[in-house]
Every structure is written in structure tokens, then in C-alpha cells.
N, C-alpha and C. Protein backbone atom coordinates (compact mmCIF):
# COMPACT_ATOMS: atom_id res chain seq x y z
N GLY A 1 76.67 109.33 130.05
CA GLY A 1 78.11 109.38 129.92
C GLY A 1 78.51 110.12 128.66
N ASP A 2 79.78 110.06 128.38
CA ASP A 2 80.29 110.71 127.17
C ASP A 2 81.41 109.88 126.56
N ALA A 3 81.62 110.13 125.29
CA ALA A 3 82.68 109.45 124.54
C ALA A 3 83.37 110.47 123.66
N PHE A 4 84.70 110.52 123.77
CA PHE A 4 85.50 111.41 122.94
C PHE A 4 86.48 110.57 122.14
N MET A 5 86.56 110.84 120.85
CA MET A 5 87.56 110.21 119.99
C MET A 5 88.37 111.32 119.36
N THR A 6 89.69 111.15 119.36
CA THR A 6 90.55 112.12 118.71
C THR A 6 91.34 111.40 117.62
N SER A 7 91.66 112.13 116.58
CA SER A 7 92.33 111.51 115.44
C SER A 7 93.80 111.23 115.69
N SER A 8 94.36 111.80 116.74
CA SER A 8 95.77 111.54 117.08
C SER A 8 95.95 111.69 118.58
N SER A 9 97.09 111.21 119.07
CA SER A 9 97.38 111.37 120.49
C SER A 9 97.80 112.81 120.75
N SER A 10 97.89 113.18 122.01
CA SER A 10 98.14 114.58 122.38
C SER A 10 99.51 115.10 121.97
N ASN A 11 100.47 114.22 121.73
CA ASN A 11 101.82 114.67 121.39
C ASN A 11 102.15 114.53 119.90
N GLU A 12 101.14 114.38 119.06
CA GLU A 12 101.40 114.28 117.62
C GLU A 12 100.32 115.02 116.83
N ALA A 13 100.66 115.39 115.61
CA ALA A 13 99.73 116.11 114.74
C ALA A 13 98.86 115.11 113.97
N SER A 14 97.65 115.52 113.67
CA SER A 14 96.77 114.73 112.81
C SER A 14 97.16 115.01 111.37
N GLN A 15 97.02 114.00 110.53
CA GLN A 15 97.44 114.15 109.14
C GLN A 15 96.25 114.06 108.18
N GLU A 16 96.40 114.75 107.05
CA GLU A 16 95.42 114.69 105.97
C GLU A 16 96.10 114.18 104.72
N SER A 17 95.30 113.68 103.80
CA SER A 17 95.83 113.13 102.56
C SER A 17 95.13 113.75 101.36
N ASP A 18 95.90 114.12 100.35
CA ASP A 18 95.31 114.63 99.11
C ASP A 18 94.54 113.53 98.39
N SER A 19 95.02 112.29 98.46
CA SER A 19 94.36 111.21 97.72
C SER A 19 92.97 110.88 98.27
N ILE A 20 92.76 111.02 99.57
CA ILE A 20 91.43 110.77 100.12
C ILE A 20 90.68 112.06 100.42
N LYS A 21 91.33 113.18 100.15
CA LYS A 21 90.76 114.52 100.30
C LYS A 21 90.27 114.80 101.72
N GLY A 22 91.12 114.45 102.69
CA GLY A 22 90.76 114.74 104.06
C GLY A 22 91.63 114.00 105.06
N SER A 23 91.14 113.98 106.28
CA SER A 23 91.84 113.36 107.40
C SER A 23 91.78 111.84 107.31
N PHE A 24 92.90 111.18 107.62
CA PHE A 24 92.93 109.72 107.61
C PHE A 24 91.91 109.16 108.61
N PHE A 25 91.92 109.68 109.83
CA PHE A 25 91.03 109.15 110.86
C PHE A 25 89.56 109.32 110.48
N THR A 26 89.18 110.52 110.08
CA THR A 26 87.78 110.77 109.71
C THR A 26 87.36 109.89 108.54
N TYR A 27 88.24 109.75 107.56
CA TYR A 27 87.95 108.93 106.40
C TYR A 27 87.65 107.49 106.81
N TYR A 28 88.50 106.93 107.67
CA TYR A 28 88.29 105.54 108.09
C TYR A 28 87.14 105.40 109.08
N LEU A 29 86.88 106.42 109.87
CA LEU A 29 85.72 106.38 110.76
C LEU A 29 84.43 106.33 109.93
N VAL A 30 84.35 107.16 108.89
CA VAL A 30 83.16 107.17 108.03
C VAL A 30 83.05 105.84 107.27
N SER A 31 84.16 105.31 106.75
CA SER A 31 84.12 104.00 106.07
C SER A 31 83.61 102.94 107.04
N GLY A 32 84.08 103.00 108.28
CA GLY A 32 83.63 102.05 109.29
C GLY A 32 82.15 102.17 109.57
N LEU A 33 81.65 103.40 109.68
CA LEU A 33 80.23 103.61 109.94
C LEU A 33 79.36 103.18 108.76
N ARG A 34 79.91 103.19 107.55
CA ARG A 34 79.17 102.72 106.38
C ARG A 34 79.03 101.20 106.36
N GLY A 35 79.84 100.50 107.17
CA GLY A 35 79.72 99.04 107.24
C GLY A 35 81.02 98.29 107.35
N ALA A 36 82.14 98.92 107.02
CA ALA A 36 83.43 98.23 107.05
C ALA A 36 83.82 97.78 108.46
N ALA A 37 83.29 98.42 109.49
CA ALA A 37 83.65 98.09 110.86
C ALA A 37 82.78 97.00 111.49
N ASP A 38 81.85 96.47 110.74
CA ASP A 38 80.93 95.46 111.27
C ASP A 38 81.64 94.12 111.43
N MET A 39 82.43 94.00 112.48
CA MET A 39 83.26 92.83 112.69
C MET A 39 82.48 91.56 113.02
N ILE A 40 81.35 91.68 113.71
CA ILE A 40 80.60 90.47 114.07
C ILE A 40 79.43 90.22 113.13
N GLN A 41 79.34 91.01 112.08
CA GLN A 41 78.37 90.82 111.01
C GLN A 41 76.92 90.79 111.48
N ASP A 42 76.58 91.70 112.37
CA ASP A 42 75.20 91.76 112.83
C ASP A 42 74.43 92.93 112.23
N GLY A 43 75.07 93.65 111.29
CA GLY A 43 74.41 94.78 110.64
C GLY A 43 74.40 96.05 111.48
N ARG A 44 75.09 96.01 112.62
CA ARG A 44 75.14 97.18 113.49
C ARG A 44 76.60 97.53 113.78
N ILE A 45 76.90 98.81 113.78
CA ILE A 45 78.24 99.27 114.07
C ILE A 45 78.20 99.92 115.45
N THR A 46 78.99 99.36 116.37
CA THR A 46 79.03 99.90 117.72
C THR A 46 80.13 100.95 117.83
N LEU A 47 80.08 101.71 118.89
CA LEU A 47 81.10 102.72 119.16
C LEU A 47 82.49 102.09 119.18
N ASN A 48 82.63 100.97 119.86
CA ASN A 48 83.94 100.30 119.93
C ASN A 48 84.38 99.74 118.59
N GLU A 49 83.46 99.16 117.81
CA GLU A 49 83.83 98.65 116.49
C GLU A 49 84.30 99.79 115.58
N ALA A 50 83.56 100.91 115.59
CA ALA A 50 83.92 102.05 114.75
C ALA A 50 85.30 102.59 115.13
N TYR A 51 85.54 102.74 116.43
CA TYR A 51 86.83 103.26 116.87
C TYR A 51 87.96 102.29 116.52
N GLN A 52 87.79 101.01 116.80
CA GLN A 52 88.84 100.01 116.50
C GLN A 52 89.19 99.99 115.02
N TYR A 53 88.17 100.04 114.18
CA TYR A 53 88.40 100.04 112.73
C TYR A 53 89.18 101.29 112.32
N ALA A 54 88.70 102.46 112.76
CA ALA A 54 89.37 103.72 112.39
C ALA A 54 90.79 103.76 112.95
N TYR A 55 90.99 103.27 114.16
CA TYR A 55 92.32 103.24 114.77
C TYR A 55 93.27 102.36 113.95
N ASN A 56 92.86 101.13 113.68
CA ASN A 56 93.73 100.19 112.94
C ASN A 56 94.06 100.68 111.54
N GLU A 57 93.05 101.19 110.83
CA GLU A 57 93.28 101.65 109.46
C GLU A 57 94.12 102.92 109.44
N THR A 58 93.90 103.84 110.36
CA THR A 58 94.70 105.07 110.43
C THR A 58 96.15 104.73 110.72
N LEU A 59 96.36 103.85 111.66
CA LEU A 59 97.72 103.41 112.01
C LEU A 59 98.41 102.80 110.80
N ALA A 60 97.74 101.88 110.12
CA ALA A 60 98.33 101.20 108.97
C ALA A 60 98.62 102.18 107.83
N ARG A 61 97.72 103.12 107.59
CA ARG A 61 97.87 104.03 106.45
C ARG A 61 98.92 105.11 106.70
N THR A 62 99.22 105.42 107.96
CA THR A 62 100.17 106.49 108.25
C THR A 62 101.56 105.99 108.62
N GLU A 63 101.76 104.69 108.64
CA GLU A 63 103.06 104.14 109.01
C GLU A 63 104.20 104.64 108.12
N LYS A 64 103.92 104.91 106.86
CA LYS A 64 104.97 105.31 105.92
C LYS A 64 104.82 106.75 105.45
N THR A 65 104.13 107.58 106.23
CA THR A 65 104.00 108.99 105.84
C THR A 65 105.16 109.80 106.41
N LEU A 66 105.39 110.96 105.85
CA LEU A 66 106.44 111.83 106.35
C LEU A 66 106.12 112.32 107.76
N GLY A 67 104.84 112.41 108.10
CA GLY A 67 104.43 112.85 109.43
C GLY A 67 104.58 111.77 110.49
N GLY A 68 104.81 110.55 110.06
CA GLY A 68 104.96 109.44 111.00
C GLY A 68 103.63 108.81 111.36
N THR A 69 103.71 107.72 112.07
CA THR A 69 102.51 106.98 112.45
C THR A 69 101.62 107.83 113.35
N GLN A 70 100.34 107.83 113.02
CA GLN A 70 99.34 108.60 113.76
C GLN A 70 98.54 107.64 114.64
N HIS A 71 98.41 107.97 115.90
CA HIS A 71 97.74 107.10 116.88
C HIS A 71 96.45 107.75 117.39
N PRO A 72 95.30 107.38 116.84
CA PRO A 72 94.04 107.91 117.38
C PRO A 72 93.90 107.54 118.85
N ASN A 73 93.07 108.28 119.55
CA ASN A 73 92.89 108.09 120.98
C ASN A 73 91.42 108.22 121.33
N TYR A 74 91.03 107.72 122.49
CA TYR A 74 89.66 107.86 122.94
C TYR A 74 89.58 107.97 124.45
N ASP A 75 88.48 108.53 124.90
CA ASP A 75 88.15 108.59 126.32
C ASP A 75 86.66 108.33 126.40
N ILE A 76 86.29 107.16 126.89
CA ILE A 76 84.88 106.79 126.98
C ILE A 76 84.53 106.61 128.46
N GLN A 77 83.59 107.42 128.92
CA GLN A 77 83.11 107.36 130.30
C GLN A 77 81.61 107.14 130.25
N MET A 78 81.21 105.87 130.15
CA MET A 78 79.79 105.56 130.04
C MET A 78 79.43 104.45 131.01
N THR A 79 78.20 104.47 131.46
CA THR A 79 77.70 103.39 132.31
C THR A 79 76.50 102.74 131.62
N GLY A 80 76.22 101.53 132.01
CA GLY A 80 75.10 100.80 131.42
C GLY A 80 75.57 99.44 130.97
N THR A 81 74.73 98.77 130.22
CA THR A 81 75.08 97.44 129.74
C THR A 81 75.19 97.43 128.23
N GLY A 82 76.13 96.68 127.73
CA GLY A 82 76.31 96.55 126.29
C GLY A 82 77.00 97.74 125.67
N ASP A 83 77.37 97.57 124.43
CA ASP A 83 78.04 98.62 123.68
C ASP A 83 77.00 99.51 123.00
N VAL A 84 77.36 100.75 122.74
CA VAL A 84 76.46 101.70 122.12
C VAL A 84 76.46 101.49 120.60
N VAL A 85 75.29 101.24 120.03
CA VAL A 85 75.15 101.09 118.58
C VAL A 85 75.01 102.49 118.00
N ILE A 86 75.90 102.83 117.04
CA ILE A 86 75.81 104.16 116.45
C ILE A 86 75.36 104.13 114.99
N THR A 87 75.44 102.97 114.34
CA THR A 87 74.92 102.82 112.99
C THR A 87 74.27 101.46 112.86
N ASP A 88 73.07 101.45 112.29
CA ASP A 88 72.40 100.20 111.97
C ASP A 88 72.24 100.17 110.46
N ILE A 89 73.17 99.48 109.79
CA ILE A 89 73.15 99.51 108.32
C ILE A 89 71.97 98.74 107.74
N LYS A 90 71.30 97.95 108.52
CA LYS A 90 70.10 97.25 108.04
C LYS A 90 68.93 98.23 107.87
N LEU A 91 69.01 99.39 108.52
CA LEU A 91 67.93 100.37 108.44
C LEU A 91 68.10 101.36 107.29
N LYS A 92 69.22 101.32 106.62
CA LYS A 92 69.47 102.30 105.56
C LYS A 92 68.53 102.08 104.38
N THR A 93 68.43 103.06 103.54
CA THR A 93 67.54 102.94 102.40
C THR A 93 68.23 102.34 101.18
N SER A 94 69.53 102.46 101.08
CA SER A 94 70.22 101.90 99.92
C SER A 94 71.66 101.53 100.29
N GLY A 95 72.25 100.67 99.47
CA GLY A 95 73.62 100.27 99.75
C GLY A 95 74.12 99.20 98.82
N LEU A 96 75.23 98.62 99.19
CA LEU A 96 75.93 97.63 98.39
C LEU A 96 76.23 96.41 99.26
N ILE A 97 76.02 95.23 98.71
CA ILE A 97 76.40 93.99 99.38
C ILE A 97 77.48 93.34 98.53
N LEU A 98 78.65 93.11 99.14
CA LEU A 98 79.75 92.43 98.46
C LEU A 98 79.64 90.94 98.81
N GLU A 99 79.50 90.09 97.79
CA GLU A 99 79.30 88.67 98.05
C GLU A 99 80.51 88.03 98.72
N LYS A 100 80.33 86.83 99.21
CA LYS A 100 81.36 86.11 99.97
C LYS A 100 82.63 85.85 99.17
N LYS A 101 82.53 85.64 97.86
CA LYS A 101 83.71 85.29 97.05
C LYS A 101 84.65 86.48 96.80
N ILE A 102 84.17 87.69 96.99
CA ILE A 102 85.01 88.87 96.80
C ILE A 102 85.95 88.98 98.00
N ALA A 103 87.23 89.22 97.72
CA ALA A 103 88.22 89.35 98.80
C ALA A 103 89.28 90.35 98.38
N GLY A 104 89.95 90.94 99.37
CA GLY A 104 91.03 91.89 99.10
C GLY A 104 90.60 93.31 99.39
N LYS A 105 91.43 94.24 98.98
CA LYS A 105 91.16 95.66 99.21
C LYS A 105 90.11 96.11 98.19
N VAL A 106 89.08 96.80 98.67
CA VAL A 106 88.01 97.30 97.80
C VAL A 106 87.95 98.82 97.95
N TYR A 107 87.98 99.51 96.81
CA TYR A 107 87.90 100.96 96.77
C TYR A 107 86.58 101.33 96.08
N ILE A 108 85.83 102.25 96.69
CA ILE A 108 84.55 102.69 96.13
C ILE A 108 84.63 104.18 95.86
N ARG A 109 84.40 104.55 94.59
CA ARG A 109 84.42 105.96 94.18
C ARG A 109 83.04 106.34 93.67
N ASN A 110 82.63 107.58 93.97
CA ASN A 110 81.33 108.04 93.50
C ASN A 110 81.44 108.55 92.07
N SER A 111 80.35 109.08 91.53
CA SER A 111 80.32 109.53 90.13
C SER A 111 81.25 110.71 89.87
N ASP A 112 81.67 111.42 90.92
CA ASP A 112 82.64 112.51 90.78
C ASP A 112 84.07 112.01 90.94
N ASN A 113 84.24 110.68 90.98
CA ASN A 113 85.54 110.01 91.12
C ASN A 113 86.21 110.30 92.46
N ILE A 114 85.40 110.59 93.47
CA ILE A 114 85.91 110.82 94.82
C ILE A 114 85.85 109.50 95.58
N LEU A 115 86.97 109.15 96.18
CA LEU A 115 87.05 107.94 96.97
C LEU A 115 86.22 108.12 98.24
N ILE A 116 85.15 107.32 98.37
CA ILE A 116 84.28 107.49 99.53
C ILE A 116 84.40 106.36 100.54
N ALA A 117 84.97 105.23 100.12
CA ALA A 117 85.18 104.13 101.07
C ALA A 117 86.31 103.24 100.58
N GLU A 118 87.04 102.73 101.53
CA GLU A 118 88.16 101.81 101.27
C GLU A 118 88.09 100.78 102.38
N LEU A 119 88.03 99.52 102.01
CA LEU A 119 87.90 98.49 103.04
C LEU A 119 88.64 97.23 102.64
N GLN A 120 89.00 96.46 103.64
CA GLN A 120 89.63 95.17 103.44
C GLN A 120 88.52 94.13 103.56
N LYS A 121 88.22 93.45 102.46
CA LYS A 121 87.12 92.48 102.43
C LYS A 121 87.68 91.08 102.57
N PRO A 122 87.37 90.39 103.68
CA PRO A 122 87.83 89.01 103.83
C PRO A 122 87.01 88.04 102.97
N TYR A 123 87.66 87.01 102.47
CA TYR A 123 86.98 85.98 101.70
C TYR A 123 86.04 85.20 102.62
N GLY A 124 84.91 84.80 102.08
CA GLY A 124 83.99 83.95 102.83
C GLY A 124 83.03 84.71 103.73
N ARG A 125 83.06 86.02 103.66
CA ARG A 125 82.18 86.84 104.50
C ARG A 125 81.49 87.88 103.63
N GLU A 126 80.16 87.88 103.65
CA GLU A 126 79.42 88.90 102.94
C GLU A 126 79.61 90.22 103.70
N MET A 127 79.74 91.32 102.98
CA MET A 127 79.92 92.61 103.64
C MET A 127 78.96 93.61 103.03
N GLU A 128 78.31 94.38 103.89
CA GLU A 128 77.35 95.37 103.43
C GLU A 128 77.89 96.77 103.70
N VAL A 129 77.72 97.66 102.73
CA VAL A 129 78.19 99.04 102.83
C VAL A 129 77.01 99.96 102.52
N ALA A 130 76.71 100.87 103.43
CA ALA A 130 75.63 101.83 103.21
C ALA A 130 76.09 102.89 102.21
N LEU A 131 75.29 103.11 101.17
CA LEU A 131 75.61 104.11 100.16
C LEU A 131 74.32 104.83 99.75
N PRO A 132 74.41 106.12 99.52
CA PRO A 132 73.23 106.80 98.97
C PRO A 132 73.04 106.39 97.51
N GLU A 133 71.86 106.63 96.99
CA GLU A 133 71.62 106.28 95.59
C GLU A 133 72.63 107.00 94.70
N GLY A 134 73.00 106.35 93.62
CA GLY A 134 73.95 106.95 92.69
C GLY A 134 74.78 105.91 91.96
N LYS A 135 75.70 106.43 91.18
CA LYS A 135 76.59 105.61 90.35
C LYS A 135 77.94 105.49 91.04
N TYR A 136 78.52 104.29 91.05
CA TYR A 136 79.78 104.04 91.73
C TYR A 136 80.70 103.19 90.88
N ASN A 137 81.99 103.42 91.05
CA ASN A 137 83.02 102.59 90.43
C ASN A 137 83.74 101.88 91.55
N LEU A 138 83.86 100.55 91.42
CA LEU A 138 84.53 99.75 92.44
C LEU A 138 85.76 99.09 91.87
N LEU A 139 86.85 99.14 92.62
CA LEU A 139 88.08 98.43 92.28
C LEU A 139 88.34 97.42 93.38
N ASN A 140 88.67 96.21 92.98
CA ASN A 140 89.01 95.14 93.92
C ASN A 140 90.46 94.76 93.63
N GLN A 141 91.35 95.16 94.52
CA GLN A 141 92.78 94.92 94.35
C GLN A 141 93.13 93.55 94.92
N LEU A 142 93.64 92.69 94.05
CA LEU A 142 94.02 91.33 94.41
C LEU A 142 95.53 91.17 94.27
N ASP A 143 96.07 90.07 94.76
CA ASP A 143 97.50 89.81 94.61
C ASP A 143 97.90 89.68 93.15
N ASN A 144 96.99 89.15 92.33
CA ASN A 144 97.32 88.88 90.93
C ASN A 144 96.65 89.83 89.94
N GLY A 145 96.17 90.97 90.39
CA GLY A 145 95.57 91.93 89.47
C GLY A 145 94.47 92.75 90.11
N ILE A 146 93.70 93.41 89.25
CA ILE A 146 92.64 94.30 89.70
C ILE A 146 91.36 93.96 88.95
N LEU A 147 90.26 93.86 89.69
CA LEU A 147 88.94 93.69 89.12
C LEU A 147 88.19 95.00 89.28
N GLU A 148 87.30 95.29 88.33
CA GLU A 148 86.59 96.57 88.36
C GLU A 148 85.13 96.35 88.00
N SER A 149 84.28 97.20 88.54
CA SER A 149 82.85 97.16 88.21
C SER A 149 82.26 98.54 88.39
N GLU A 150 81.30 98.86 87.54
CA GLU A 150 80.55 100.09 87.70
C GLU A 150 79.12 99.68 88.04
N ILE A 151 78.58 100.29 89.10
CA ILE A 151 77.24 99.93 89.54
C ILE A 151 76.39 101.18 89.72
N ARG A 152 75.10 100.96 89.75
CA ARG A 152 74.15 102.03 90.06
C ARG A 152 73.27 101.55 91.20
N VAL A 153 73.26 102.30 92.29
CA VAL A 153 72.43 101.98 93.44
C VAL A 153 71.18 102.84 93.35
N SER A 154 70.03 102.19 93.31
CA SER A 154 68.74 102.89 93.25
C SER A 154 68.22 103.13 94.65
N PRO A 155 67.29 104.08 94.80
CA PRO A 155 66.73 104.36 96.13
C PRO A 155 66.11 103.09 96.72
N GLY A 156 66.45 102.82 97.96
CA GLY A 156 65.88 101.67 98.65
C GLY A 156 66.47 100.32 98.25
N GLU A 157 67.42 100.32 97.33
CA GLU A 157 67.99 99.07 96.82
C GLU A 157 69.28 98.71 97.56
N ARG A 158 69.47 97.42 97.75
CA ARG A 158 70.75 96.89 98.23
C ARG A 158 71.32 96.10 97.06
N TYR A 159 72.27 96.71 96.38
CA TYR A 159 72.86 96.13 95.18
C TYR A 159 73.80 94.99 95.57
N LEU A 160 73.55 93.79 95.08
CA LEU A 160 74.41 92.65 95.35
C LEU A 160 75.45 92.54 94.24
N LEU A 161 76.71 92.70 94.61
CA LEU A 161 77.81 92.61 93.65
C LEU A 161 78.49 91.26 93.81
N ALA A 162 78.48 90.48 92.74
CA ALA A 162 79.15 89.18 92.71
C ALA A 162 80.51 89.34 92.05
N GLN A 163 81.45 88.48 92.41
CA GLN A 163 82.78 88.57 91.83
C GLN A 163 82.74 88.42 90.31
N ASN A 164 81.86 87.56 89.80
CA ASN A 164 81.80 87.38 88.34
C ASN A 164 81.14 88.56 87.63
N ASP A 165 80.64 89.56 88.38
CA ASP A 165 80.13 90.80 87.78
C ASP A 165 81.26 91.80 87.54
N MET A 166 82.45 91.47 88.03
CA MET A 166 83.59 92.37 87.90
C MET A 166 84.48 91.90 86.76
N ILE A 167 85.12 92.86 86.08
CA ILE A 167 86.00 92.50 84.97
C ILE A 167 87.45 92.82 85.33
N LYS A 168 88.35 92.02 84.77
CA LYS A 168 89.77 92.24 85.01
C LYS A 168 90.19 93.52 84.30
N THR A 169 90.93 94.36 85.01
CA THR A 169 91.38 95.64 84.49
C THR A 169 92.89 95.61 84.31
N GLU A 170 93.34 96.26 83.28
CA GLU A 170 94.78 96.34 83.05
C GLU A 170 95.42 97.15 84.17
N THR A 171 96.54 96.68 84.66
CA THR A 171 97.27 97.44 85.67
C THR A 171 98.28 98.34 84.97
N GLU A 172 98.58 99.43 85.62
CA GLU A 172 99.55 100.37 85.06
C GLU A 172 100.95 99.92 85.42
N GLU A 173 101.80 99.84 84.41
CA GLU A 173 103.18 99.46 84.67
C GLU A 173 103.94 100.68 85.21
N THR A 174 104.71 100.43 86.25
CA THR A 174 105.49 101.49 86.85
C THR A 174 106.92 100.99 87.08
N VAL A 175 107.79 101.93 87.37
CA VAL A 175 109.17 101.60 87.70
C VAL A 175 109.37 101.95 89.16
N THR A 176 109.86 101.00 89.94
CA THR A 176 110.13 101.29 91.34
C THR A 176 111.56 101.76 91.50
N ARG A 177 111.77 102.68 92.39
CA ARG A 177 113.11 103.23 92.64
C ARG A 177 113.36 103.23 94.13
N GLY A 178 114.63 103.16 94.45
CA GLY A 178 115.02 103.30 95.84
C GLY A 178 115.11 102.00 96.59
């Protein structure tokens, strides 16, 4: 069979963002494949999990853009049993494990300060994200502030990040208008 995913429906344009340096849909699809889409916590990302995650996040992120809400689409024509596994994060050589106590929006930037993953981390659930070896800066956005941590992932290592390894960061004061 075959599976096609498009970043928008046929009657709308796909949007890109300067802040994520690319397409909303592709960005969230890649974040999902890294582990954010693992809804049943089995260490495997299926085609349907990846699409659902990218669809929901793209929709949420584009609701307030000038281009309007973007609706990813798919056409899957496959036969057989079970869902197709497209990523097995347990097989990766390195990555990050966010402990159960961490909750809220988590942003992961590489050593070049490029945002490579953004995910909503629920409390009480460990979450694993596949990452190549390197240095990363993590921000955990909470209702009452921001926590930050800098980590180094070594080859073959799964770095376990605990909430108490993160430090409270000063938030920038801004003025809202409108």
C-alpha cells in the first residue's frame, strides 16, 4: 500500500515560521518521530501516531497566524494487520529521557541555538526523545515560570533529566498591547 501526508489541505497554503526555521507540519512531524508522538509509551512511533501529533500541533500553532489555521491531510491505502511502526526510539543510539515530574511545554535547542523539538510533556509520564550526541539547552515553560537546563548527550547515552536538575530562569518582562 501507500501513505501520503500533506502539510495542508488542497484549498489552503502551507505555512513556514522564522522562529522554527521551516514548515510547521514538518517541524512537528520530526518532533513526533523523535518521541513526542509516542502516545501509548511503547517506545515506537506509528504512522498514525506521527500524523495525529503533527496534525494537532500544526493546527494549534497556526490558529493565530496571518495565514489562518492550517489543516494537514492524509491518504492512507494500506492492507494488513496493525499500524505501521516508522520509528523505534528504543533502538536509537542516544537521546534524552524526561522524568515523570517534569510537565509543561518543553523546548530543546541544539548548540547552534536552533529549536529542534518542542513538545507538551504531561506530568506523571516519562518521555523519551531521540537526539544525536551533542550539547542541548532545554526550557520547561510552566504556569509560574521557566526552568532551564543545559545537557550533553554522549554517544549511546540516554540522558535522564530530572526536574531538580533544572534551574529557575528569569522571565523577560514585556508589555502587552491590543
